[in-house]
Amino acid sequence: MMKRFEKLLIISCLAWNSSFAQMAVSADVLGGTPLTGQAYMNVKGTPYLLENWEKGSVTLASGKKFENLDLKFDQVINQVIFQDADGSMKAFSQPIAAFTIGKDANEHEFMRGVDGIYYEKLVTGKITLWKKNHKTLIDEKPYGSATVQRNILNNNTYYVGELTQLAKIKTDKKSVLELMADKANDIEQYMKKGKLSPKTESDLVRVIMYYNGL
């Protein structure tokens, strides 16, 4: 009886060790590709949505979701980056379907469009508003200077509709009123009363949220 017990104990230990070994091999479930180089040294402006590491979540195209990651979003090359346990920067090795970055009022929600670009969802409802912020890296050599100044410029574009069929919109008053033609009078009065200009993102968001609530 004792020998049988010892045999079972040995088998259990071997099974546990095998299971532990499998866990150790697959511990880095995110995978990731290490990033190297100094592409953004001596640059005026930031390539990232948020300059510092921020907590966020990532949903892969496979459906797997990971929470509480330290993330950055490089808007020059449209790449989501995470900070590994050893402090190194890595790019995801698997396609990302959606991600959030930031906390509370400063949380940003992104989804991957059919063109591979990550669009930020600003408003959801009868009109869903999306934003694409593509940053560009421009080299300039000031007159009389021997050095090149590298600048990062913001390029904001706004869209409405479903992510699979986005329609680009202009942010002038006339275009916004045409977009909400069924409530144009109400919207115009609301903008006039609040002194709102849809050319300003925060005002555009307020106007669309107001329309969605009518």
N, C-alpha and C. Protein backbone atom coordinates (compact mmCIF):
# COMPACT_ATOMS: atom_id res chain seq x y z
N MET A 1 0.83 -1.20 0.00
CA MET A 1 0.00 0.00 0.00
C MET A 1 0.87 1.26 0.00
N MET A 2 1.94 1.24 0.83
CA MET A 2 2.83 2.38 0.92
C MET A 2 3.55 2.62 -0.41
N LYS A 3 3.98 1.52 -1.07
CA LYS A 3 4.66 1.66 -2.36
C LYS A 3 3.73 2.26 -3.40
N ARG A 4 2.45 1.85 -3.35
CA ARG A 4 1.48 2.40 -4.29
C ARG A 4 1.29 3.89 -4.08
N PHE A 5 1.25 4.29 -2.79
CA PHE A 5 1.10 5.72 -2.46
C PHE A 5 2.29 6.52 -2.96
N GLU A 6 3.51 5.96 -2.75
CA GLU A 6 4.72 6.64 -3.19
C GLU A 6 4.73 6.79 -4.71
N LYS A 7 4.26 5.76 -5.39
CA LYS A 7 4.22 5.80 -6.86
C LYS A 7 3.27 6.90 -7.34
N LEU A 8 2.10 7.00 -6.69
CA LEU A 8 1.12 8.03 -7.04
C LEU A 8 1.67 9.43 -6.76
N LEU A 9 2.41 9.56 -5.65
CA LEU A 9 3.00 10.84 -5.28
C LEU A 9 4.03 11.29 -6.33
N ILE A 10 4.84 10.32 -6.79
CA ILE A 10 5.86 10.63 -7.80
C ILE A 10 5.20 11.07 -9.10
N ILE A 11 4.13 10.36 -9.49
CA ILE A 11 3.41 10.70 -10.72
C ILE A 11 2.80 12.09 -10.61
N SER A 12 2.22 12.43 -9.46
CA SER A 12 1.61 13.74 -9.24
C SER A 12 2.65 14.84 -9.33
N CYS A 13 3.83 14.59 -8.73
CA CYS A 13 4.90 15.60 -8.76
C CYS A 13 5.39 15.83 -10.18
N LEU A 14 5.52 14.72 -10.94
CA LEU A 14 5.96 14.86 -12.32
C LEU A 14 4.95 15.64 -13.14
N ALA A 15 3.67 15.37 -12.90
CA ALA A 15 2.60 16.08 -13.63
C ALA A 15 2.61 17.55 -13.27
N TRP A 16 2.83 17.87 -11.98
CA TRP A 16 2.85 19.27 -11.54
C TRP A 16 4.04 20.00 -12.15
N ASN A 17 5.21 19.32 -12.16
CA ASN A 17 6.40 19.94 -12.75
C ASN A 17 6.22 20.18 -14.23
N SER A 18 5.56 19.22 -14.92
CA SER A 18 5.31 19.38 -16.35
C SER A 18 4.39 20.55 -16.60
N SER A 19 3.35 20.67 -15.75
CA SER A 19 2.40 21.78 -15.89
C SER A 19 3.10 23.10 -15.65
N PHE A 20 3.97 23.15 -14.61
CA PHE A 20 4.70 24.38 -14.30
C PHE A 20 5.60 24.78 -15.45
N ALA A 21 6.25 23.78 -16.06
CA ALA A 21 7.15 24.07 -17.18
C ALA A 21 6.38 24.68 -18.34
N GLN A 22 5.18 24.15 -18.61
CA GLN A 22 4.36 24.70 -19.69
C GLN A 22 3.96 26.13 -19.39
N MET A 23 3.63 26.41 -18.10
CA MET A 23 3.26 27.77 -17.70
C MET A 23 4.45 28.71 -17.88
N ALA A 24 5.64 28.23 -17.53
CA ALA A 24 6.83 29.08 -17.63
C ALA A 24 7.12 29.44 -19.08
N VAL A 25 6.92 28.47 -19.98
CA VAL A 25 7.19 28.71 -21.39
C VAL A 25 6.24 29.75 -21.96
N SER A 26 4.97 29.69 -21.50
CA SER A 26 3.96 30.58 -22.07
C SER A 26 3.65 31.77 -21.17
N ALA A 27 4.57 32.07 -20.23
CA ALA A 27 4.30 33.14 -19.27
C ALA A 27 4.15 34.49 -19.96
N ASP A 28 4.95 34.73 -21.01
CA ASP A 28 4.87 36.00 -21.73
C ASP A 28 3.76 35.90 -22.78
N VAL A 29 2.50 35.94 -22.30
CA VAL A 29 1.35 35.73 -23.19
C VAL A 29 1.21 36.82 -24.22
N LEU A 30 1.78 37.99 -23.96
CA LEU A 30 1.67 39.09 -24.91
C LEU A 30 2.64 38.96 -26.07
N GLY A 31 3.66 38.16 -25.86
CA GLY A 31 4.69 38.10 -26.90
C GLY A 31 5.39 39.44 -26.95
N GLY A 32 5.45 40.03 -28.11
CA GLY A 32 6.03 41.36 -28.23
C GLY A 32 7.38 41.35 -28.91
N THR A 33 7.62 42.43 -29.62
CA THR A 33 8.87 42.60 -30.34
C THR A 33 9.64 43.77 -29.73
N PRO A 34 10.83 43.56 -29.22
CA PRO A 34 11.60 44.66 -28.61
C PRO A 34 11.83 45.80 -29.61
N LEU A 35 11.75 47.03 -29.12
CA LEU A 35 11.98 48.20 -29.96
C LEU A 35 13.37 48.74 -29.69
N THR A 36 14.07 49.06 -30.75
CA THR A 36 15.42 49.59 -30.62
C THR A 36 15.55 50.87 -31.44
N GLY A 37 16.63 51.57 -31.22
CA GLY A 37 16.86 52.77 -32.01
C GLY A 37 16.49 54.04 -31.26
N GLN A 38 16.87 55.18 -31.82
CA GLN A 38 16.62 56.48 -31.21
C GLN A 38 15.91 57.39 -32.21
N ALA A 39 14.81 56.90 -32.76
CA ALA A 39 14.12 57.61 -33.84
C ALA A 39 13.63 59.00 -33.43
N TYR A 40 13.34 59.19 -32.13
CA TYR A 40 12.74 60.46 -31.71
C TYR A 40 13.66 61.29 -30.82
N MET A 41 14.96 61.13 -30.99
CA MET A 41 15.90 61.95 -30.24
C MET A 41 15.90 63.37 -30.82
N ASN A 42 16.00 64.37 -29.94
CA ASN A 42 16.08 65.77 -30.34
C ASN A 42 14.91 66.19 -31.23
N VAL A 43 13.73 65.79 -30.82
CA VAL A 43 12.51 66.11 -31.57
C VAL A 43 11.66 67.08 -30.77
N LYS A 44 11.12 68.08 -31.48
CA LYS A 44 10.21 69.03 -30.85
C LYS A 44 8.79 68.51 -31.01
N GLY A 45 8.12 68.27 -29.88
CA GLY A 45 6.80 67.66 -29.92
C GLY A 45 6.90 66.20 -29.52
N THR A 46 5.77 65.54 -29.39
CA THR A 46 5.78 64.13 -29.00
C THR A 46 5.09 63.27 -30.04
N PRO A 47 5.63 62.10 -30.34
CA PRO A 47 4.97 61.20 -31.28
C PRO A 47 3.79 60.46 -30.65
N TYR A 48 3.70 60.55 -29.31
CA TYR A 48 2.71 59.74 -28.60
C TYR A 48 1.43 60.51 -28.31
N LEU A 49 0.35 59.77 -28.19
CA LEU A 49 -0.92 60.37 -27.77
C LEU A 49 -0.75 61.02 -26.41
N LEU A 50 -0.17 60.28 -25.47
CA LEU A 50 0.14 60.76 -24.13
C LEU A 50 1.62 60.52 -23.89
N GLU A 51 2.32 61.49 -23.41
CA GLU A 51 3.78 61.44 -23.32
C GLU A 51 4.27 60.33 -22.39
N ASN A 52 3.59 60.16 -21.24
CA ASN A 52 4.04 59.17 -20.24
C ASN A 52 3.31 57.84 -20.41
N TRP A 53 3.86 56.80 -19.79
CA TRP A 53 3.18 55.51 -19.78
C TRP A 53 1.85 55.65 -19.05
N GLU A 54 0.80 55.11 -19.63
CA GLU A 54 -0.52 55.16 -19.01
C GLU A 54 -1.13 53.76 -18.99
N LYS A 55 -1.92 53.50 -17.96
CA LYS A 55 -2.60 52.21 -17.87
C LYS A 55 -3.66 52.10 -18.95
N GLY A 56 -3.83 50.89 -19.46
CA GLY A 56 -4.84 50.69 -20.49
C GLY A 56 -5.13 49.22 -20.70
N SER A 57 -6.01 48.94 -21.62
CA SER A 57 -6.38 47.57 -21.97
C SER A 57 -6.24 47.38 -23.47
N VAL A 58 -5.99 46.14 -23.87
CA VAL A 58 -5.83 45.81 -25.28
C VAL A 58 -6.66 44.58 -25.61
N THR A 59 -7.42 44.65 -26.70
CA THR A 59 -8.15 43.50 -27.22
C THR A 59 -7.53 43.10 -28.54
N LEU A 60 -7.01 41.89 -28.60
CA LEU A 60 -6.39 41.40 -29.82
C LEU A 60 -7.44 41.00 -30.84
N ALA A 61 -7.03 40.88 -32.08
CA ALA A 61 -7.95 40.45 -33.14
C ALA A 61 -8.50 39.06 -32.87
N SER A 62 -7.76 38.28 -32.09
CA SER A 62 -8.19 36.92 -31.73
C SER A 62 -9.31 36.93 -30.70
N GLY A 63 -9.55 38.10 -30.08
CA GLY A 63 -10.58 38.21 -29.05
C GLY A 63 -10.03 38.25 -27.65
N LYS A 64 -8.76 37.90 -27.46
CA LYS A 64 -8.16 37.93 -26.13
C LYS A 64 -8.00 39.38 -25.65
N LYS A 65 -8.30 39.60 -24.38
CA LYS A 65 -8.21 40.95 -23.82
C LYS A 65 -7.26 40.96 -22.64
N PHE A 66 -6.43 42.01 -22.56
CA PHE A 66 -5.47 42.16 -21.48
C PHE A 66 -5.68 43.51 -20.81
N GLU A 67 -5.75 43.48 -19.49
CA GLU A 67 -6.03 44.69 -18.71
C GLU A 67 -4.78 45.17 -17.98
N ASN A 68 -4.86 46.43 -17.54
CA ASN A 68 -3.85 47.00 -16.65
C ASN A 68 -2.43 46.95 -17.23
N LEU A 69 -2.33 47.24 -18.51
CA LEU A 69 -1.02 47.30 -19.16
C LEU A 69 -0.48 48.72 -19.14
N ASP A 70 0.82 48.87 -19.17
CA ASP A 70 1.44 50.18 -19.34
C ASP A 70 1.63 50.41 -20.84
N LEU A 71 0.91 51.40 -21.37
CA LEU A 71 0.85 51.59 -22.82
C LEU A 71 1.28 52.98 -23.26
N LYS A 72 1.72 53.04 -24.51
CA LYS A 72 1.89 54.29 -25.25
C LYS A 72 1.35 54.04 -26.66
N PHE A 73 0.87 55.11 -27.30
CA PHE A 73 0.38 55.00 -28.67
C PHE A 73 1.18 55.95 -29.54
N ASP A 74 2.03 55.38 -30.39
CA ASP A 74 2.84 56.16 -31.32
C ASP A 74 1.98 56.52 -32.53
N GLN A 75 1.62 57.81 -32.64
CA GLN A 75 0.72 58.24 -33.70
C GLN A 75 1.45 58.65 -34.98
N VAL A 76 2.77 58.58 -34.96
CA VAL A 76 3.52 58.80 -36.19
C VAL A 76 3.47 57.54 -37.05
N ILE A 77 3.64 56.39 -36.41
CA ILE A 77 3.66 55.12 -37.15
C ILE A 77 2.45 54.25 -36.83
N ASN A 78 1.45 54.80 -36.07
CA ASN A 78 0.21 54.06 -35.80
C ASN A 78 0.51 52.73 -35.11
N GLN A 79 1.25 52.80 -34.00
CA GLN A 79 1.69 51.59 -33.31
C GLN A 79 1.44 51.69 -31.81
N VAL A 80 0.86 50.64 -31.25
CA VAL A 80 0.64 50.56 -29.80
C VAL A 80 1.85 49.86 -29.18
N ILE A 81 2.36 50.42 -28.10
CA ILE A 81 3.57 49.92 -27.44
C ILE A 81 3.25 49.62 -25.98
N PHE A 82 3.82 48.54 -25.46
CA PHE A 82 3.65 48.25 -24.04
C PHE A 82 5.00 48.15 -23.35
N GLN A 83 4.98 48.38 -22.05
CA GLN A 83 6.20 48.31 -21.25
C GLN A 83 6.26 46.94 -20.57
N ASP A 84 7.30 46.20 -20.85
CA ASP A 84 7.46 44.86 -20.28
C ASP A 84 7.87 44.97 -18.81
N ALA A 85 7.84 43.82 -18.13
CA ALA A 85 8.16 43.79 -16.70
C ALA A 85 9.56 44.28 -16.42
N ASP A 86 10.48 44.12 -17.38
CA ASP A 86 11.86 44.57 -17.17
C ASP A 86 12.06 46.03 -17.58
N GLY A 87 10.96 46.72 -17.94
CA GLY A 87 11.05 48.13 -18.30
C GLY A 87 11.31 48.40 -19.76
N SER A 88 11.49 47.36 -20.56
CA SER A 88 11.76 47.54 -21.98
C SER A 88 10.47 47.85 -22.76
N MET A 89 10.64 48.53 -23.88
CA MET A 89 9.51 48.87 -24.75
C MET A 89 9.34 47.79 -25.81
N LYS A 90 8.08 47.34 -25.98
CA LYS A 90 7.82 46.30 -26.97
C LYS A 90 6.58 46.65 -27.79
N ALA A 91 6.60 46.21 -29.04
CA ALA A 91 5.42 46.30 -29.90
C ALA A 91 4.71 44.96 -29.87
N PHE A 92 3.40 44.99 -29.99
CA PHE A 92 2.63 43.75 -29.97
C PHE A 92 2.93 42.93 -31.23
N SER A 93 3.09 41.63 -31.04
CA SER A 93 3.39 40.75 -32.17
C SER A 93 2.12 40.22 -32.83
N GLN A 94 0.96 40.48 -32.20
CA GLN A 94 -0.32 40.04 -32.75
C GLN A 94 -1.17 41.27 -33.07
N PRO A 95 -2.03 41.18 -34.08
CA PRO A 95 -2.88 42.32 -34.46
C PRO A 95 -3.80 42.75 -33.32
N ILE A 96 -3.99 44.06 -33.18
CA ILE A 96 -4.86 44.62 -32.15
C ILE A 96 -6.15 45.10 -32.79
N ALA A 97 -7.28 44.72 -32.18
CA ALA A 97 -8.59 45.14 -32.68
C ALA A 97 -9.03 46.44 -32.02
N ALA A 98 -8.72 46.60 -30.73
CA ALA A 98 -9.15 47.79 -29.99
C ALA A 98 -8.27 47.95 -28.75
N PHE A 99 -8.20 49.18 -28.26
CA PHE A 99 -7.48 49.42 -27.01
C PHE A 99 -7.97 50.70 -26.36
N THR A 100 -7.77 50.79 -25.05
CA THR A 100 -8.04 52.02 -24.31
C THR A 100 -6.74 52.41 -23.62
N ILE A 101 -6.59 53.71 -23.39
CA ILE A 101 -5.39 54.21 -22.72
C ILE A 101 -5.77 55.44 -21.92
N GLY A 102 -5.26 55.53 -20.69
CA GLY A 102 -5.60 56.65 -19.81
C GLY A 102 -6.69 56.25 -18.83
N LYS A 103 -6.92 57.12 -17.86
CA LYS A 103 -7.89 56.82 -16.82
C LYS A 103 -8.98 57.88 -16.74
N ASP A 104 -10.16 57.42 -16.30
CA ASP A 104 -11.29 58.30 -15.98
C ASP A 104 -11.58 59.29 -17.12
N ALA A 105 -11.57 60.59 -16.81
CA ALA A 105 -11.90 61.58 -17.83
C ALA A 105 -10.86 61.67 -18.93
N ASN A 106 -9.69 61.14 -18.65
CA ASN A 106 -8.61 61.19 -19.65
C ASN A 106 -8.45 59.86 -20.38
N GLU A 107 -9.49 59.02 -20.35
CA GLU A 107 -9.42 57.74 -21.04
C GLU A 107 -9.76 57.92 -22.52
N HIS A 108 -8.97 57.29 -23.36
CA HIS A 108 -9.17 57.35 -24.81
C HIS A 108 -9.46 55.94 -25.31
N GLU A 109 -10.49 55.83 -26.17
CA GLU A 109 -10.89 54.53 -26.71
C GLU A 109 -10.62 54.49 -28.22
N PHE A 110 -9.89 53.47 -28.65
CA PHE A 110 -9.54 53.34 -30.06
C PHE A 110 -10.00 52.00 -30.61
N MET A 111 -10.34 52.02 -31.90
CA MET A 111 -10.66 50.78 -32.61
C MET A 111 -9.95 50.80 -33.96
N ARG A 112 -9.60 49.63 -34.42
CA ARG A 112 -8.86 49.51 -35.69
C ARG A 112 -9.82 49.49 -36.87
N GLY A 113 -9.61 50.43 -37.81
CA GLY A 113 -10.45 50.50 -38.99
C GLY A 113 -10.03 49.49 -40.04
N VAL A 114 -10.82 49.40 -41.09
CA VAL A 114 -10.52 48.44 -42.16
C VAL A 114 -9.22 48.80 -42.88
N ASP A 115 -8.79 50.05 -42.75
CA ASP A 115 -7.54 50.49 -43.38
C ASP A 115 -6.32 50.27 -42.47
N GLY A 116 -6.56 49.69 -41.29
CA GLY A 116 -5.46 49.43 -40.37
C GLY A 116 -5.15 50.58 -39.43
N ILE A 117 -5.82 51.71 -39.62
CA ILE A 117 -5.60 52.88 -38.77
C ILE A 117 -6.45 52.76 -37.50
N TYR A 118 -5.89 53.24 -36.37
CA TYR A 118 -6.65 53.26 -35.12
C TYR A 118 -7.40 54.59 -35.02
N TYR A 119 -8.73 54.50 -34.93
CA TYR A 119 -9.57 55.68 -34.81
C TYR A 119 -10.06 55.81 -33.38
N GLU A 120 -10.05 57.04 -32.87
CA GLU A 120 -10.53 57.29 -31.52
C GLU A 120 -12.03 57.57 -31.55
N LYS A 121 -12.77 56.86 -30.72
CA LYS A 121 -14.22 57.08 -30.63
C LYS A 121 -14.48 58.20 -29.63
N LEU A 122 -15.07 59.30 -30.12
CA LEU A 122 -15.32 60.46 -29.27
C LEU A 122 -16.75 60.51 -28.76
N VAL A 123 -17.71 60.11 -29.59
CA VAL A 123 -19.13 60.14 -29.23
C VAL A 123 -19.81 58.92 -29.82
N THR A 124 -20.75 58.33 -29.06
CA THR A 124 -21.53 57.20 -29.55
C THR A 124 -23.01 57.57 -29.51
N GLY A 125 -23.77 57.17 -30.52
CA GLY A 125 -25.20 57.45 -30.54
C GLY A 125 -25.75 57.51 -31.95
N LYS A 126 -26.79 58.32 -32.15
CA LYS A 126 -27.35 58.49 -33.49
C LYS A 126 -26.25 58.89 -34.47
N ILE A 127 -25.39 59.78 -33.99
CA ILE A 127 -24.17 60.11 -34.73
C ILE A 127 -22.99 59.66 -33.89
N THR A 128 -22.19 58.77 -34.45
CA THR A 128 -20.97 58.34 -33.77
C THR A 128 -19.80 59.09 -34.39
N LEU A 129 -19.05 59.77 -33.55
CA LEU A 129 -17.96 60.63 -34.01
C LEU A 129 -16.62 59.97 -33.74
N TRP A 130 -15.78 59.93 -34.77
CA TRP A 130 -14.45 59.36 -34.69
C TRP A 130 -13.39 60.41 -35.04
N LYS A 131 -12.21 60.17 -34.51
CA LYS A 131 -11.10 61.08 -34.79
C LYS A 131 -9.87 60.28 -35.22
N LYS A 132 -9.21 60.78 -36.24
CA LYS A 132 -7.91 60.22 -36.64
C LYS A 132 -6.86 61.31 -36.47
N ASN A 133 -5.90 61.03 -35.62
CA ASN A 133 -4.81 61.99 -35.42
C ASN A 133 -3.52 61.35 -35.92
N HIS A 134 -3.17 61.68 -37.15
CA HIS A 134 -1.93 61.16 -37.72
C HIS A 134 -0.85 62.23 -37.58
N LYS A 135 0.18 61.90 -36.82
CA LYS A 135 1.27 62.83 -36.62
C LYS A 135 2.36 62.59 -37.66
N THR A 136 2.97 63.66 -38.10
CA THR A 136 4.03 63.55 -39.09
C THR A 136 5.33 64.15 -38.56
N LEU A 137 6.43 63.55 -38.95
CA LEU A 137 7.76 64.00 -38.54
C LEU A 137 8.37 64.81 -39.67
N ILE A 138 8.62 66.09 -39.41
CA ILE A 138 9.13 67.00 -40.43
C ILE A 138 10.51 67.52 -40.03
N ASP A 139 11.45 67.44 -40.95
CA ASP A 139 12.79 67.99 -40.73
C ASP A 139 12.88 69.39 -41.34
N GLU A 140 13.30 70.34 -40.54
CA GLU A 140 13.45 71.72 -41.00
C GLU A 140 14.85 72.22 -40.64
N LYS A 141 15.42 72.98 -41.54
CA LYS A 141 16.73 73.58 -41.27
C LYS A 141 16.56 75.10 -41.28
N PRO A 142 16.51 75.68 -40.07
CA PRO A 142 16.34 77.13 -39.99
C PRO A 142 17.42 77.87 -40.78
N TYR A 143 17.05 79.01 -41.33
CA TYR A 143 17.98 79.80 -42.14
C TYR A 143 19.20 80.19 -41.30
N GLY A 144 20.37 79.91 -41.84
CA GLY A 144 21.60 80.26 -41.16
C GLY A 144 22.05 79.25 -40.12
N SER A 145 21.27 78.17 -39.93
CA SER A 145 21.63 77.17 -38.92
C SER A 145 22.31 75.98 -39.59
N ALA A 146 23.24 75.39 -38.87
CA ALA A 146 23.95 74.22 -39.40
C ALA A 146 23.27 72.91 -38.98
N THR A 147 22.29 73.01 -38.09
CA THR A 147 21.62 71.81 -37.60
C THR A 147 20.19 71.73 -38.11
N VAL A 148 19.67 70.51 -38.15
CA VAL A 148 18.29 70.26 -38.60
C VAL A 148 17.39 70.13 -37.38
N GLN A 149 16.27 70.84 -37.40
CA GLN A 149 15.28 70.74 -36.34
C GLN A 149 14.18 69.76 -36.77
N ARG A 150 13.94 68.76 -35.94
CA ARG A 150 12.90 67.78 -36.24
C ARG A 150 11.64 68.15 -35.45
N ASN A 151 10.53 68.30 -36.16
CA ASN A 151 9.27 68.69 -35.54
C ASN A 151 8.20 67.65 -35.81
N ILE A 152 7.33 67.46 -34.82
CA ILE A 152 6.19 66.56 -34.99
C ILE A 152 4.93 67.40 -35.08
N LEU A 153 4.20 67.23 -36.17
CA LEU A 153 3.00 68.01 -36.43
C LEU A 153 1.75 67.15 -36.29
N ASN A 154 0.67 67.75 -35.75
CA ASN A 154 -0.61 67.05 -35.60
C ASN A 154 -1.49 67.25 -36.82
N ASN A 155 -2.14 66.19 -37.25
CA ASN A 155 -3.09 66.26 -38.36
C ASN A 155 -4.39 65.57 -37.93
N ASN A 156 -5.36 66.36 -37.49
CA ASN A 156 -6.62 65.80 -37.00
C ASN A 156 -7.67 65.78 -38.10
N THR A 157 -8.35 64.63 -38.24
CA THR A 157 -9.45 64.49 -39.18
C THR A 157 -10.60 63.81 -38.45
N TYR A 158 -11.83 64.24 -38.74
CA TYR A 158 -13.00 63.71 -38.05
C TYR A 158 -13.93 62.97 -39.01
N TYR A 159 -14.55 61.91 -38.49
CA TYR A 159 -15.42 61.06 -39.30
C TYR A 159 -16.68 60.72 -38.51
N VAL A 160 -17.74 60.37 -39.22
CA VAL A 160 -18.96 59.89 -38.58
C VAL A 160 -19.37 58.58 -39.25
N GLY A 161 -20.20 57.80 -38.54
CA GLY A 161 -20.72 56.56 -39.09
C GLY A 161 -20.13 55.34 -38.43
N GLU A 162 -20.38 54.19 -39.06
CA GLU A 162 -19.84 52.93 -38.57
C GLU A 162 -18.36 52.84 -38.96
N LEU A 163 -17.61 52.12 -38.15
CA LEU A 163 -16.17 52.01 -38.38
C LEU A 163 -15.86 51.38 -39.73
N THR A 164 -16.77 50.53 -40.21
CA THR A 164 -16.55 49.86 -41.50
C THR A 164 -16.86 50.76 -42.69
N GLN A 165 -17.51 51.90 -42.43
CA GLN A 165 -17.88 52.80 -43.53
C GLN A 165 -17.91 54.24 -43.02
N LEU A 166 -16.75 54.78 -42.76
CA LEU A 166 -16.65 56.12 -42.20
C LEU A 166 -16.81 57.20 -43.27
N ALA A 167 -17.42 58.30 -42.87
CA ALA A 167 -17.57 59.44 -43.76
C ALA A 167 -16.85 60.63 -43.14
N LYS A 168 -15.91 61.20 -43.88
CA LYS A 168 -15.17 62.36 -43.39
C LYS A 168 -16.07 63.57 -43.33
N ILE A 169 -15.94 64.37 -42.28
CA ILE A 169 -16.77 65.57 -42.14
C ILE A 169 -15.90 66.81 -41.98
N LYS A 170 -16.45 67.93 -42.42
CA LYS A 170 -15.84 69.23 -42.16
C LYS A 170 -16.36 69.73 -40.83
N THR A 171 -15.57 70.55 -40.16
CA THR A 171 -15.98 71.01 -38.83
C THR A 171 -16.43 72.47 -38.81
N ASP A 172 -16.84 72.99 -39.98
CA ASP A 172 -17.40 74.34 -39.99
C ASP A 172 -18.89 74.26 -39.64
N LYS A 173 -19.46 75.39 -39.25
CA LYS A 173 -20.85 75.45 -38.80
C LYS A 173 -21.82 74.95 -39.86
N LYS A 174 -21.65 75.37 -41.10
CA LYS A 174 -22.56 74.99 -42.17
C LYS A 174 -22.59 73.47 -42.36
N SER A 175 -21.44 72.84 -42.39
CA SER A 175 -21.36 71.40 -42.60
C SER A 175 -21.98 70.62 -41.45
N VAL A 176 -21.77 71.10 -40.23
CA VAL A 176 -22.33 70.43 -39.05
C VAL A 176 -23.85 70.53 -39.06
N LEU A 177 -24.38 71.68 -39.43
CA LEU A 177 -25.84 71.85 -39.49
C LEU A 177 -26.44 70.97 -40.59
N GLU A 178 -25.74 70.80 -41.69
CA GLU A 178 -26.21 69.91 -42.75
C GLU A 178 -26.21 68.46 -42.28
N LEU A 179 -25.24 68.11 -41.47
CA LEU A 179 -25.16 66.76 -40.92
C LEU A 179 -26.35 66.45 -40.02
N MET A 180 -26.86 67.49 -39.35
CA MET A 180 -27.97 67.33 -38.41
C MET A 180 -29.20 68.08 -38.93
N ALA A 181 -29.44 67.96 -40.22
CA ALA A 181 -30.47 68.76 -40.89
C ALA A 181 -31.85 68.63 -40.26
N ASP A 182 -32.18 67.46 -39.71
CA ASP A 182 -33.51 67.25 -39.13
C ASP A 182 -33.72 68.06 -37.85
N LYS A 183 -32.62 68.50 -37.23
CA LYS A 183 -32.70 69.31 -36.00
C LYS A 183 -31.85 70.57 -36.13
N ALA A 184 -31.70 71.06 -37.35
CA ALA A 184 -30.79 72.17 -37.62
C ALA A 184 -31.10 73.41 -36.79
N ASN A 185 -32.38 73.76 -36.68
CA ASN A 185 -32.76 74.96 -35.91
C ASN A 185 -32.39 74.82 -34.45
N ASP A 186 -32.68 73.64 -33.88
CA ASP A 186 -32.34 73.40 -32.47
C ASP A 186 -30.83 73.47 -32.26
N ILE A 187 -30.09 72.87 -33.18
CA ILE A 187 -28.63 72.84 -33.05
C ILE A 187 -28.03 74.24 -33.19
N GLU A 188 -28.56 75.01 -34.12
CA GLU A 188 -28.05 76.37 -34.32
C GLU A 188 -28.29 77.23 -33.08
N GLN A 189 -29.47 77.10 -32.48
CA GLN A 189 -29.78 77.85 -31.27
C GLN A 189 -28.88 77.41 -30.11
N TYR A 190 -28.63 76.11 -30.03
CA TYR A 190 -27.78 75.57 -28.96
C TYR A 190 -26.35 76.11 -29.10
N MET A 191 -25.84 76.14 -30.32
CA MET A 191 -24.48 76.66 -30.55
C MET A 191 -24.42 78.15 -30.25
N LYS A 192 -25.46 78.86 -30.66
CA LYS A 192 -25.48 80.30 -30.44
C LYS A 192 -25.54 80.63 -28.96
N LYS A 193 -26.37 79.93 -28.23
CA LYS A 193 -26.53 80.18 -26.80
C LYS A 193 -25.24 79.86 -26.03
N GLY A 194 -24.59 78.77 -26.41
CA GLY A 194 -23.37 78.36 -25.70
C GLY A 194 -22.10 78.92 -26.29
N LYS A 195 -22.24 79.74 -27.36
CA LYS A 195 -21.08 80.30 -28.07
C LYS A 195 -20.10 79.19 -28.46
N LEU A 196 -20.66 78.16 -29.09
CA LEU A 196 -19.88 76.98 -29.45
C LEU A 196 -19.44 77.04 -30.90
N SER A 197 -18.21 76.61 -31.15
CA SER A 197 -17.69 76.53 -32.50
C SER A 197 -17.27 75.09 -32.78
N PRO A 198 -17.88 74.43 -33.78
CA PRO A 198 -17.52 73.04 -34.06
C PRO A 198 -16.09 72.86 -34.55
N LYS A 199 -15.41 73.96 -34.84
CA LYS A 199 -14.00 73.85 -35.24
C LYS A 199 -13.14 73.43 -34.05
N THR A 200 -13.67 73.65 -32.83
CA THR A 200 -12.99 73.21 -31.62
C THR A 200 -13.51 71.83 -31.25
N GLU A 201 -12.61 70.89 -31.04
CA GLU A 201 -13.04 69.50 -30.80
C GLU A 201 -14.01 69.37 -29.64
N SER A 202 -13.71 70.01 -28.52
CA SER A 202 -14.59 69.89 -27.35
C SER A 202 -15.98 70.42 -27.65
N ASP A 203 -16.08 71.49 -28.43
CA ASP A 203 -17.39 72.04 -28.80
C ASP A 203 -18.11 71.12 -29.78
N LEU A 204 -17.36 70.56 -30.72
CA LEU A 204 -17.95 69.62 -31.67
C LEU A 204 -18.55 68.42 -30.94
N VAL A 205 -17.83 67.92 -29.96
CA VAL A 205 -18.32 66.79 -29.16
C VAL A 205 -19.60 67.19 -28.42
N ARG A 206 -19.62 68.37 -27.84
CA ARG A 206 -20.81 68.83 -27.10
C ARG A 206 -22.02 68.95 -28.02
N VAL A 207 -21.80 69.47 -29.22
CA VAL A 207 -22.90 69.65 -30.17
C VAL A 207 -23.48 68.30 -30.58
N ILE A 208 -22.62 67.34 -30.90
CA ILE A 208 -23.11 66.03 -31.33
C ILE A 208 -23.78 65.30 -30.18
N MET A 209 -23.26 65.42 -28.98
CA MET A 209 -23.89 64.79 -27.83
C MET A 209 -25.27 65.39 -27.59
N TYR A 210 -25.38 66.69 -27.79
CA TYR A 210 -26.67 67.36 -27.63
C TYR A 210 -27.67 66.84 -28.66
N TYR A 211 -27.21 66.74 -29.91
CA TYR A 211 -28.08 66.22 -30.98
C TYR A 211 -28.51 64.79 -30.68
N ASN A 212 -27.59 63.96 -30.23
CA ASN A 212 -27.93 62.57 -29.93
C ASN A 212 -28.97 62.45 -28.83
N GLY A 213 -29.03 63.48 -27.99
CA GLY A 213 -30.00 63.44 -26.87
C GLY A 213 -31.37 64.00 -27.22
N LEU A 214 -31.52 64.58 -28.40
CA LEU A 214 -32.81 65.15 -28.79
C LEU A 214 -33.81 64.08 -29.20
